[in-house]
Protein backbone atom coordinates (compact mmCIF):
# COMPACT_ATOMS: atom_id res chain seq x y z
CA UNK A 1 0.00 0.00 0.00
CA UNK A 2 1.42 3.40 -0.98
CA UNK A 3 1.72 6.41 1.32
CA UNK A 4 -1.17 8.03 -0.53
CA UNK A 5 -3.40 4.98 -0.08
CA UNK A 6 -2.53 4.81 3.64
CA UNK A 7 -3.32 8.51 4.07
CA UNK A 8 -6.69 8.19 2.33
CA UNK A 9 -7.56 5.14 4.43
CA UNK A 10 -6.68 6.85 7.73
CA UNK A 11 -8.47 10.14 7.10
CA UNK A 12 -11.50 8.82 5.26
CA UNK A 13 -12.28 5.82 7.50
CA UNK A 14 -14.02 7.86 10.22
CA UNK A 15 -16.26 9.81 7.84
CA UNK A 16 -19.94 8.88 7.40
CA UNK A 17 -19.36 8.16 3.70
CA UNK A 18 -15.66 7.34 3.39
CA UNK A 19 -14.07 7.65 0.02
CA UNK A 20 -12.53 4.40 -1.16
CA UNK A 21 -9.47 4.90 -3.30
CA UNK A 22 -9.67 2.68 -6.35
CA UNK A 23 -6.27 2.98 -8.03
CA UNK A 24 -7.63 1.37 -11.22
CA UNK A 25 -10.10 4.16 -11.85
CA UNK A 26 -8.93 6.35 -14.79
CA UNK A 27 -10.01 9.51 -12.91
CA UNK A 28 -7.92 8.53 -9.87
CA UNK A 29 -5.00 7.57 -12.09
CA UNK A 30 -5.15 11.06 -13.58
CA UNK A 31 -5.16 12.66 -10.13
CA UNK A 32 -2.24 10.54 -9.00
CA UNK A 33 -0.15 11.85 -11.90
CA UNK A 34 -0.12 15.23 -10.14
CA UNK A 35 0.29 14.00 -6.53
CA UNK A 36 3.55 13.02 -4.91
CA UNK A 37 3.33 10.96 -1.74
CA UNK A 38 6.23 10.82 0.69
CA UNK A 39 7.04 9.74 4.22
CA UNK A 40 9.17 11.68 6.67
CA UNK A 41 10.58 10.91 10.09
CA UNK A 42 9.48 13.28 12.85
CA UNK A 43 12.22 14.20 15.32
CA UNK A 44 10.44 16.97 17.20
CA UNK A 45 6.99 18.48 17.39
CA UNK A 46 6.25 22.12 18.20
CA UNK A 47 2.69 23.24 18.56
CA UNK A 48 1.01 26.50 17.75
CA UNK A 49 -2.61 27.33 18.46
CA UNK A 50 -4.35 28.48 15.30
CA UNK A 51 -8.00 29.07 16.08
CA UNK A 52 -8.96 31.43 13.25
CA UNK A 53 -8.16 34.40 15.49
CA UNK A 54 -7.02 36.31 12.41
CA UNK A 55 -10.55 36.03 10.94
CA UNK A 56 -13.66 38.10 11.57
CA UNK A 57 -15.83 37.33 14.61
CA UNK A 58 -18.65 36.24 12.28
CA UNK A 59 -16.39 33.80 10.48
CA UNK A 60 -15.11 32.41 13.77
CA UNK A 61 -18.71 31.80 14.89
CA UNK A 62 -19.41 29.96 11.62
CA UNK A 63 -16.34 27.77 12.12
CA UNK A 64 -17.41 27.01 15.70
CA UNK A 65 -20.88 26.08 14.49
CA UNK A 66 -19.42 23.78 11.84
CA UNK A 67 -17.13 22.09 14.35
CA UNK A 68 -20.07 21.49 16.70
CA UNK A 69 -22.00 19.66 13.98
CA UNK A 70 -19.41 16.87 13.73
CA UNK A 71 -17.54 14.70 16.18
CA UNK A 72 -14.38 14.05 14.21
CA UNK A 73 -10.76 14.94 14.90
CA UNK A 74 -11.60 16.44 18.33
CA UNK A 75 -13.91 18.98 16.73
CA UNK A 76 -15.97 19.48 19.90
CA UNK A 77 -12.88 20.31 21.96
CA UNK A 78 -11.58 22.68 19.28
CA UNK A 79 -14.95 24.47 19.19
CA UNK A 80 -14.77 24.97 22.98
CA UNK A 81 -11.23 26.36 22.72
CA UNK A 82 -12.34 28.76 19.99
CA UNK A 83 -15.27 29.92 22.13
CA UNK A 84 -12.93 30.53 25.07
CA UNK A 85 -10.56 32.44 22.80
CA UNK A 86 -13.44 34.73 21.72
CA UNK A 87 -14.14 35.65 25.36
CA UNK A 88 -10.66 37.16 25.76
PDB file of N, CA and C in Angstrom:
ATOM      1  N   UNK A   1       0.856  -1.180   0.000  1.00  0.00           N
ATOM      2  CA  UNK A   1       0.000   0.000   0.000  1.00  0.00           C
ATOM      3  C   UNK A   1       0.899   1.240   0.000  1.00  0.00           C
ATOM      4  N   UNK A   2       0.608   2.192  -0.868  1.00  0.00           N
ATOM      5  CA  UNK A   2       1.423   3.405  -0.979  1.00  0.00           C
ATOM      6  C   UNK A   2       1.097   4.375   0.150  1.00  0.00           C
ATOM      7  N   UNK A   3       1.947   5.378   0.313  1.00  0.00           N
ATOM      8  CA  UNK A   3       1.725   6.408   1.325  1.00  0.00           C
ATOM      9  C   UNK A   3       0.408   7.136   1.068  1.00  0.00           C
ATOM     10  N   UNK A   4       0.078   7.349  -0.188  1.00  0.00           N
ATOM     11  CA  UNK A   4      -1.175   8.032  -0.525  1.00  0.00           C
ATOM     12  C   UNK A   4      -2.368   7.166  -0.142  1.00  0.00           C
ATOM     13  N   UNK A   5      -2.304   5.883  -0.437  1.00  0.00           N
ATOM     14  CA  UNK A   5      -3.403   4.977  -0.077  1.00  0.00           C
ATOM     15  C   UNK A   5      -3.575   4.900   1.436  1.00  0.00           C
ATOM     16  N   UNK A   6      -2.467   4.848   2.173  1.00  0.00           N
ATOM     17  CA  UNK A   6      -2.529   4.815   3.638  1.00  0.00           C
ATOM     18  C   UNK A   6      -3.170   6.096   4.180  1.00  0.00           C
ATOM     19  N   UNK A   7      -2.784   7.223   3.618  1.00  0.00           N
ATOM     20  CA  UNK A   7      -3.320   8.508   4.067  1.00  0.00           C
ATOM     21  C   UNK A   7      -4.821   8.582   3.826  1.00  0.00           C
ATOM     22  N   UNK A   8      -5.261   8.184   2.648  1.00  0.00           N
ATOM     23  CA  UNK A   8      -6.690   8.187   2.327  1.00  0.00           C
ATOM     24  C   UNK A   8      -7.437   7.274   3.292  1.00  0.00           C
ATOM     25  N   UNK A   9      -6.904   6.091   3.538  1.00  0.00           N
ATOM     26  CA  UNK A   9      -7.563   5.137   4.426  1.00  0.00           C
ATOM     27  C   UNK A   9      -7.705   5.697   5.840  1.00  0.00           C
ATOM     28  N   UNK A  10      -6.651   6.305   6.366  1.00  0.00           N
ATOM     29  CA  UNK A  10      -6.680   6.849   7.727  1.00  0.00           C
ATOM     30  C   UNK A  10      -7.691   7.975   7.847  1.00  0.00           C
ATOM     31  N   UNK A  11      -7.643   8.947   6.951  1.00  0.00           N
ATOM     32  CA  UNK A  11      -8.469  10.139   7.104  1.00  0.00           C
ATOM     33  C   UNK A  11      -9.896   9.973   6.604  1.00  0.00           C
ATOM     34  N   UNK A  12     -10.148   9.031   5.757  1.00  0.00           N
ATOM     35  CA  UNK A  12     -11.504   8.818   5.257  1.00  0.00           C
ATOM     36  C   UNK A  12     -12.287   7.809   6.098  1.00  0.00           C
ATOM     37  N   UNK A  13     -11.608   6.923   6.810  1.00  0.00           N
ATOM     38  CA  UNK A  13     -12.277   5.817   7.502  1.00  0.00           C
ATOM     39  C   UNK A  13     -13.290   6.270   8.546  1.00  0.00           C
ATOM     40  N   UNK A  14     -13.097   7.421   9.174  1.00  0.00           N
ATOM     41  CA  UNK A  14     -14.018   7.862  10.219  1.00  0.00           C
ATOM     42  C   UNK A  14     -15.190   8.693   9.686  1.00  0.00           C
ATOM     43  N   UNK A  15     -15.195   8.990   8.416  1.00  0.00           N
ATOM     44  CA  UNK A  15     -16.262   9.806   7.841  1.00  0.00           C
ATOM     45  C   UNK A  15     -17.526   8.975   7.605  1.00  0.00           C
ATOM     46  N   UNK A  16     -18.696   9.619   7.622  1.00  0.00           N
ATOM     47  CA  UNK A  16     -19.942   8.877   7.405  1.00  0.00           C
ATOM     48  C   UNK A  16     -19.984   8.150   6.059  1.00  0.00           C
ATOM     49  N   UNK A  17     -19.412   8.765   5.033  1.00  0.00           N
ATOM     50  CA  UNK A  17     -19.364   8.157   3.698  1.00  0.00           C
ATOM     51  C   UNK A  17     -17.914   8.194   3.221  1.00  0.00           C
ATOM     52  N   UNK A  18     -17.081   7.286   3.745  1.00  0.00           N
ATOM     53  CA  UNK A  18     -15.658   7.342   3.394  1.00  0.00           C
ATOM     54  C   UNK A  18     -15.418   7.087   1.918  1.00  0.00           C
ATOM     55  N   UNK A  19     -14.463   7.805   1.410  1.00  0.00           N
ATOM     56  CA  UNK A  19     -14.073   7.649   0.019  1.00  0.00           C
ATOM     57  C   UNK A  19     -13.118   6.481  -0.065  1.00  0.00           C
ATOM     58  N   UNK A  20     -13.369   5.574  -0.975  1.00  0.00           N
ATOM     59  CA  UNK A  20     -12.532   4.403  -1.157  1.00  0.00           C
ATOM     60  C   UNK A  20     -11.672   4.626  -2.390  1.00  0.00           C
ATOM     61  N   UNK A  21     -10.384   4.648  -2.194  1.00  0.00           N
ATOM     62  CA  UNK A  21      -9.469   4.902  -3.303  1.00  0.00           C
ATOM     63  C   UNK A  21      -9.340   3.658  -4.170  1.00  0.00           C
ATOM     64  N   UNK A  22      -9.795   3.781  -5.395  1.00  0.00           N
ATOM     65  CA  UNK A  22      -9.674   2.684  -6.347  1.00  0.00           C
ATOM     66  C   UNK A  22      -8.616   3.091  -7.358  1.00  0.00           C
ATOM     67  N   UNK A  23      -7.406   2.559  -7.194  1.00  0.00           N
ATOM     68  CA  UNK A  23      -6.273   2.975  -8.027  1.00  0.00           C
ATOM     69  C   UNK A  23      -6.437   2.585  -9.493  1.00  0.00           C
ATOM     70  N   UNK A  24      -7.436   1.775  -9.828  1.00  0.00           N
ATOM     71  CA  UNK A  24      -7.626   1.367 -11.221  1.00  0.00           C
ATOM     72  C   UNK A  24      -8.658   2.228 -11.934  1.00  0.00           C
ATOM     73  N   UNK A  25      -9.144   3.229 -11.273  1.00  0.00           N
ATOM     74  CA  UNK A  25     -10.098   4.161 -11.852  1.00  0.00           C
ATOM     75  C   UNK A  25      -9.317   5.182 -12.684  1.00  0.00           C
ATOM     76  N   UNK A  26      -9.669   5.396 -13.945  1.00  0.00           N
ATOM     77  CA  UNK A  26      -8.934   6.350 -14.794  1.00  0.00           C
ATOM     78  C   UNK A  26      -8.897   7.766 -14.192  1.00  0.00           C
ATOM     79  N   UNK A  27      -9.983   8.182 -13.528  1.00  0.00           N
ATOM     80  CA  UNK A  27     -10.005   9.506 -12.907  1.00  0.00           C
ATOM     81  C   UNK A  27      -8.959   9.586 -11.802  1.00  0.00           C
ATOM     82  N   UNK A  28      -8.901   8.566 -10.957  1.00  0.00           N
ATOM     83  CA  UNK A  28      -7.925   8.530  -9.866  1.00  0.00           C
ATOM     84  C   UNK A  28      -6.511   8.459 -10.431  1.00  0.00           C
ATOM     85  N   UNK A  29      -6.316   7.648 -11.459  1.00  0.00           N
ATOM     86  CA  UNK A  29      -4.995   7.568 -12.094  1.00  0.00           C
ATOM     87  C   UNK A  29      -4.547   8.946 -12.578  1.00  0.00           C
ATOM     88  N   UNK A  30      -5.472   9.711 -13.128  1.00  0.00           N
ATOM     89  CA  UNK A  30      -5.152  11.061 -13.581  1.00  0.00           C
ATOM     90  C   UNK A  30      -4.766  11.970 -12.428  1.00  0.00           C
ATOM     91  N   UNK A  31      -5.502  11.861 -11.312  1.00  0.00           N
ATOM     92  CA  UNK A  31      -5.164  12.662 -10.129  1.00  0.00           C
ATOM     93  C   UNK A  31      -3.789  12.296  -9.595  1.00  0.00           C
ATOM     94  N   UNK A  32      -3.506  11.000  -9.559  1.00  0.00           N
ATOM     95  CA  UNK A  32      -2.237  10.545  -9.000  1.00  0.00           C
ATOM     96  C   UNK A  32      -1.035  10.989  -9.824  1.00  0.00           C
ATOM     97  N   UNK A  33      -1.249  11.327 -11.087  1.00  0.00           N
ATOM     98  CA  UNK A  33      -0.150  11.855 -11.904  1.00  0.00           C
ATOM     99  C   UNK A  33       0.350  13.190 -11.375  1.00  0.00           C
ATOM    100  N   UNK A  34      -0.517  13.920 -10.660  1.00  0.00           N
ATOM    101  CA  UNK A  34      -0.124  15.228 -10.139  1.00  0.00           C
ATOM    102  C   UNK A  34       0.108  15.247  -8.636  1.00  0.00           C
ATOM    103  N   UNK A  35       0.104  14.083  -7.992  1.00  0.00           N
ATOM    104  CA  UNK A  35       0.285  13.999  -6.534  1.00  0.00           C
ATOM    105  C   UNK A  35       1.549  13.202  -6.244  1.00  0.00           C
ATOM    106  N   UNK A  36       2.347  13.724  -5.330  1.00  0.00           N
ATOM    107  CA  UNK A  36       3.553  13.020  -4.915  1.00  0.00           C
ATOM    108  C   UNK A  36       3.392  12.674  -3.438  1.00  0.00           C
ATOM    109  N   UNK A  37       3.399  11.399  -3.133  1.00  0.00           N
ATOM    110  CA  UNK A  37       3.329  10.956  -1.741  1.00  0.00           C
ATOM    111  C   UNK A  37       4.728  10.730  -1.204  1.00  0.00           C
ATOM    112  N   UNK A  38       4.912  11.045   0.083  1.00  0.00           N
ATOM    113  CA  UNK A  38       6.227  10.825   0.690  1.00  0.00           C
ATOM    114  C   UNK A  38       6.048  10.589   2.186  1.00  0.00           C
ATOM    115  N   UNK A  39       7.016   9.974   2.782  1.00  0.00           N
ATOM    116  CA  UNK A  39       7.036   9.744   4.217  1.00  0.00           C
ATOM    117  C   UNK A  39       8.239  10.467   4.793  1.00  0.00           C
ATOM    118  N   UNK A  40       8.064  11.010   5.995  1.00  0.00           N
ATOM    119  CA  UNK A  40       9.173  11.676   6.673  1.00  0.00           C
ATOM    120  C   UNK A  40       9.239  11.174   8.111  1.00  0.00           C
ATOM    121  N   UNK A  41      10.399  11.243   8.679  1.00  0.00           N
ATOM    122  CA  UNK A  41      10.577  10.906  10.094  1.00  0.00           C
ATOM    123  C   UNK A  41      10.454  12.187  10.904  1.00  0.00           C
ATOM    124  N   UNK A  42       9.681  12.122  11.973  1.00  0.00           N
ATOM    125  CA  UNK A  42       9.483  13.277  12.848  1.00  0.00           C
ATOM    126  C   UNK A  42      10.450  13.165  14.016  1.00  0.00           C
ATOM    127  N   UNK A  43      11.267  14.181  14.212  1.00  0.00           N
ATOM    128  CA  UNK A  43      12.218  14.202  15.318  1.00  0.00           C
ATOM    129  C   UNK A  43      11.732  15.058  16.481  1.00  0.00           C
ATOM    130  N   UNK A  44      10.914  16.049  16.170  1.00  0.00           N
ATOM    131  CA  UNK A  44      10.445  16.970  17.202  1.00  0.00           C
ATOM    132  C   UNK A  44       9.132  17.577  16.743  1.00  0.00           C
ATOM    133  N   UNK A  45       8.258  17.840  17.704  1.00  0.00           N
ATOM    134  CA  UNK A  45       6.987  18.482  17.391  1.00  0.00           C
ATOM    135  C   UNK A  45       6.869  19.750  18.220  1.00  0.00           C
ATOM    136  N   UNK A  46       6.544  20.846  17.548  1.00  0.00           N
ATOM    137  CA  UNK A  46       6.253  22.117  18.201  1.00  0.00           C
ATOM    138  C   UNK A  46       4.832  22.472  17.857  1.00  0.00           C
ATOM    139  N   UNK A  47       4.088  22.913  18.835  1.00  0.00           N
ATOM    140  CA  UNK A  47       2.692  23.237  18.556  1.00  0.00           C
ATOM    141  C   UNK A  47       2.471  24.741  18.528  1.00  0.00           C
ATOM    142  N   UNK A  48       1.430  25.109  17.811  1.00  0.00           N
ATOM    143  CA  UNK A  48       1.010  26.503  17.750  1.00  0.00           C
ATOM    144  C   UNK A  48      -0.496  26.494  17.642  1.00  0.00           C
ATOM    145  N   UNK A  49      -1.159  27.252  18.486  1.00  0.00           N
ATOM    146  CA  UNK A  49      -2.607  27.331  18.459  1.00  0.00           C
ATOM    147  C   UNK A  49      -3.040  28.248  17.325  1.00  0.00           C
ATOM    148  N   UNK A  50      -3.824  27.711  16.436  1.00  0.00           N
ATOM    149  CA  UNK A  50      -4.351  28.475  15.302  1.00  0.00           C
ATOM    150  C   UNK A  50      -5.853  28.268  15.314  1.00  0.00           C
ATOM    151  N   UNK A  51      -6.560  29.206  15.896  1.00  0.00           N
ATOM    152  CA  UNK A  51      -8.002  29.066  16.085  1.00  0.00           C
ATOM    153  C   UNK A  51      -8.781  30.112  15.299  1.00  0.00           C
ATOM    154  N   UNK A  52      -8.315  30.445  14.126  1.00  0.00           N
ATOM    155  CA  UNK A  52      -8.958  31.435  13.246  1.00  0.00           C
ATOM    156  C   UNK A  52      -9.024  32.823  13.874  1.00  0.00           C
ATOM    157  N   UNK A  53      -8.127  33.099  14.827  1.00  0.00           N
ATOM    158  CA  UNK A  53      -8.162  34.402  15.489  1.00  0.00           C
ATOM    159  C   UNK A  53      -7.837  35.558  14.552  1.00  0.00           C
ATOM    160  N   UNK A  54      -7.309  35.261  13.386  1.00  0.00           N
ATOM    161  CA  UNK A  54      -7.023  36.309  12.413  1.00  0.00           C
ATOM    162  C   UNK A  54      -8.222  36.564  11.482  1.00  0.00           C
ATOM    163  N   UNK A  55      -9.334  35.893  11.755  1.00  0.00           N
ATOM    164  CA  UNK A  55     -10.548  36.032  10.941  1.00  0.00           C
ATOM    165  C   UNK A  55     -11.586  36.873  11.678  1.00  0.00           C
ATOM    166  N   UNK A  56     -12.615  37.295  10.956  1.00  0.00           N
ATOM    167  CA  UNK A  56     -13.663  38.104  11.572  1.00  0.00           C
ATOM    168  C   UNK A  56     -14.411  37.290  12.630  1.00  0.00           C
ATOM    169  N   UNK A  57     -15.044  37.982  13.553  1.00  0.00           N
ATOM    170  CA  UNK A  57     -15.829  37.330  14.609  1.00  0.00           C
ATOM    171  C   UNK A  57     -16.932  36.470  13.982  1.00  0.00           C
ATOM    172  N   UNK A  58     -17.585  36.990  12.943  1.00  0.00           N
ATOM    173  CA  UNK A  58     -18.651  36.239  12.284  1.00  0.00           C
ATOM    174  C   UNK A  58     -18.119  34.928  11.698  1.00  0.00           C
ATOM    175  N   UNK A  59     -16.972  35.007  11.080  1.00  0.00           N
ATOM    176  CA  UNK A  59     -16.387  33.803  10.483  1.00  0.00           C
ATOM    177  C   UNK A  59     -15.994  32.802  11.568  1.00  0.00           C
ATOM    178  N   UNK A  60     -15.470  33.293  12.673  1.00  0.00           N
ATOM    179  CA  UNK A  60     -15.109  32.407  13.774  1.00  0.00           C
ATOM    180  C   UNK A  60     -16.347  31.691  14.314  1.00  0.00           C
ATOM    181  N   UNK A  61     -17.459  32.420  14.423  1.00  0.00           N
ATOM    182  CA  UNK A  61     -18.708  31.802  14.890  1.00  0.00           C
ATOM    183  C   UNK A  61     -19.178  30.726  13.907  1.00  0.00           C
ATOM    184  N   UNK A  62     -19.028  30.971  12.610  1.00  0.00           N
ATOM    185  CA  UNK A  62     -19.415  29.955  11.618  1.00  0.00           C
ATOM    186  C   UNK A  62     -18.536  28.708  11.725  1.00  0.00           C
ATOM    187  N   UNK A  63     -17.249  28.912  11.959  1.00  0.00           N
ATOM    188  CA  UNK A  63     -16.340  27.774  12.125  1.00  0.00           C
ATOM    189  C   UNK A  63     -16.716  26.971  13.369  1.00  0.00           C
ATOM    190  N   UNK A  64     -16.994  27.679  14.458  1.00  0.00           N
ATOM    191  CA  UNK A  64     -17.406  27.013  15.702  1.00  0.00           C
ATOM    192  C   UNK A  64     -18.666  26.195  15.460  1.00  0.00           C
ATOM    193  N   UNK A  65     -19.633  26.796  14.790  1.00  0.00           N
ATOM    194  CA  UNK A  65     -20.878  26.077  14.490  1.00  0.00           C
ATOM    195  C   UNK A  65     -20.596  24.812  13.677  1.00  0.00           C
ATOM    196  N   UNK A  66     -19.756  24.937  12.656  1.00  0.00           N
ATOM    197  CA  UNK A  66     -19.418  23.779  11.838  1.00  0.00           C
ATOM    198  C   UNK A  66     -18.726  22.687  12.638  1.00  0.00           C
ATOM    199  N   UNK A  67     -17.827  23.075  13.514  1.00  0.00           N
ATOM    200  CA  UNK A  67     -17.133  22.091  14.350  1.00  0.00           C
ATOM    201  C   UNK A  67     -18.093  21.370  15.288  1.00  0.00           C
ATOM    202  N   UNK A  68     -19.102  22.092  15.768  1.00  0.00           N
ATOM    203  CA  UNK A  68     -20.065  21.491  16.697  1.00  0.00           C
ATOM    204  C   UNK A  68     -21.003  20.500  16.011  1.00  0.00           C
ATOM    205  N   UNK A  69     -21.085  20.557  14.689  1.00  0.00           N
ATOM    206  CA  UNK A  69     -21.997  19.657  13.979  1.00  0.00           C
ATOM    207  C   UNK A  69     -21.362  18.317  13.647  1.00  0.00           C
ATOM    208  N   UNK A  70     -20.092  18.140  13.991  1.00  0.00           N
ATOM    209  CA  UNK A  70     -19.411  16.871  13.733  1.00  0.00           C
ATOM    210  C   UNK A  70     -18.677  16.438  14.989  1.00  0.00           C
ATOM    211  N   UNK A  71     -18.278  15.215  15.017  1.00  0.00           N
ATOM    212  CA  UNK A  71     -17.542  14.704  16.176  1.00  0.00           C
ATOM    213  C   UNK A  71     -16.278  13.999  15.692  1.00  0.00           C
ATOM    214  N   UNK A  72     -15.591  14.633  14.782  1.00  0.00           N
ATOM    215  CA  UNK A  72     -14.376  14.054  14.212  1.00  0.00           C
ATOM    216  C   UNK A  72     -13.169  14.903  14.552  1.00  0.00           C
ATOM    217  N   UNK A  73     -12.036  14.250  14.709  1.00  0.00           N
ATOM    218  CA  UNK A  73     -10.762  14.939  14.901  1.00  0.00           C
ATOM    219  C   UNK A  73     -10.821  15.949  16.046  1.00  0.00           C
ATOM    220  N   UNK A  74     -11.501  15.590  17.127  1.00  0.00           N
ATOM    221  CA  UNK A  74     -11.596  16.438  18.327  1.00  0.00           C
ATOM    222  C   UNK A  74     -12.305  17.760  18.048  1.00  0.00           C
ATOM    223  N   UNK A  75     -13.239  17.744  17.137  1.00  0.00           N
ATOM    224  CA  UNK A  75     -13.907  18.981  16.726  1.00  0.00           C
ATOM    225  C   UNK A  75     -14.644  19.666  17.881  1.00  0.00           C
ATOM    226  N   UNK A  76     -15.249  18.888  18.775  1.00  0.00           N
ATOM    227  CA  UNK A  76     -15.970  19.483  19.904  1.00  0.00           C
ATOM    228  C   UNK A  76     -15.013  20.254  20.817  1.00  0.00           C
ATOM    229  N   UNK A  77     -13.866  19.663  21.097  1.00  0.00           N
ATOM    230  CA  UNK A  77     -12.875  20.311  21.956  1.00  0.00           C
ATOM    231  C   UNK A  77     -12.319  21.580  21.298  1.00  0.00           C
ATOM    232  N   UNK A  78     -12.100  21.512  19.999  1.00  0.00           N
ATOM    233  CA  UNK A  78     -11.577  22.685  19.283  1.00  0.00           C
ATOM    234  C   UNK A  78     -12.613  23.809  19.302  1.00  0.00           C
ATOM    235  N   UNK A  79     -13.887  23.462  19.128  1.00  0.00           N
ATOM    236  CA  UNK A  79     -14.953  24.473  19.186  1.00  0.00           C
ATOM    237  C   UNK A  79     -14.958  25.155  20.545  1.00  0.00           C
ATOM    238  N   UNK A  80     -14.805  24.385  21.620  1.00  0.00           N
ATOM    239  CA  UNK A  80     -14.772  24.969  22.976  1.00  0.00           C
ATOM    240  C   UNK A  80     -13.583  25.905  23.147  1.00  0.00           C
ATOM    241  N   UNK A  81     -12.410  25.501  22.631  1.00  0.00           N
ATOM    242  CA  UNK A  81     -11.230  26.362  22.723  1.00  0.00           C
ATOM    243  C   UNK A  81     -11.448  27.660  21.953  1.00  0.00           C
ATOM    244  N   UNK A  82     -12.078  27.560  20.783  1.00  0.00           N
ATOM    245  CA  UNK A  82     -12.343  28.765  19.994  1.00  0.00           C
ATOM    246  C   UNK A  82     -13.303  29.684  20.724  1.00  0.00           C
ATOM    247  N   UNK A  83     -14.323  29.109  21.368  1.00  0.00           N
ATOM    248  CA  UNK A  83     -15.267  29.923  22.133  1.00  0.00           C
ATOM    249  C   UNK A  83     -14.554  30.637  23.294  1.00  0.00           C
ATOM    250  N   UNK A  84     -13.685  29.918  23.976  1.00  0.00           N
ATOM    251  CA  UNK A  84     -12.928  30.533  25.066  1.00  0.00           C
ATOM    252  C   UNK A  84     -12.025  31.652  24.544  1.00  0.00           C
ATOM    253  N   UNK A  85     -11.423  31.439  23.407  1.00  0.00           N
ATOM    254  CA  UNK A  85     -10.560  32.444  22.804  1.00  0.00           C
ATOM    255  C   UNK A  85     -11.335  33.711  22.460  1.00  0.00           C
ATOM    256  N   UNK A  86     -12.613  33.564  22.046  1.00  0.00           N
ATOM    257  CA  UNK A  86     -13.435  34.731  21.718  1.00  0.00           C
ATOM    258  C   UNK A  86     -13.779  35.565  22.941  1.00  0.00           C
ATOM    259  N   UNK A  87     -13.788  34.945  24.111  1.00  0.00           N
ATOM    260  CA  UNK A  87     -14.144  35.649  25.356  1.00  0.00           C
ATOM    261  C   UNK A  87     -13.010  36.568  25.818  1.00  0.00           C
ATOM    262  N   UNK A  88     -11.818  36.366  25.309  1.00  0.00           N
ATOM    263  CA  UNK A  88     -10.656  37.165  25.755  1.00  0.00           C
ATOM    264  C   UNK A  88     -10.639  38.528  25.139  1.00  0.00           C
TER     265      UNK A  88
END
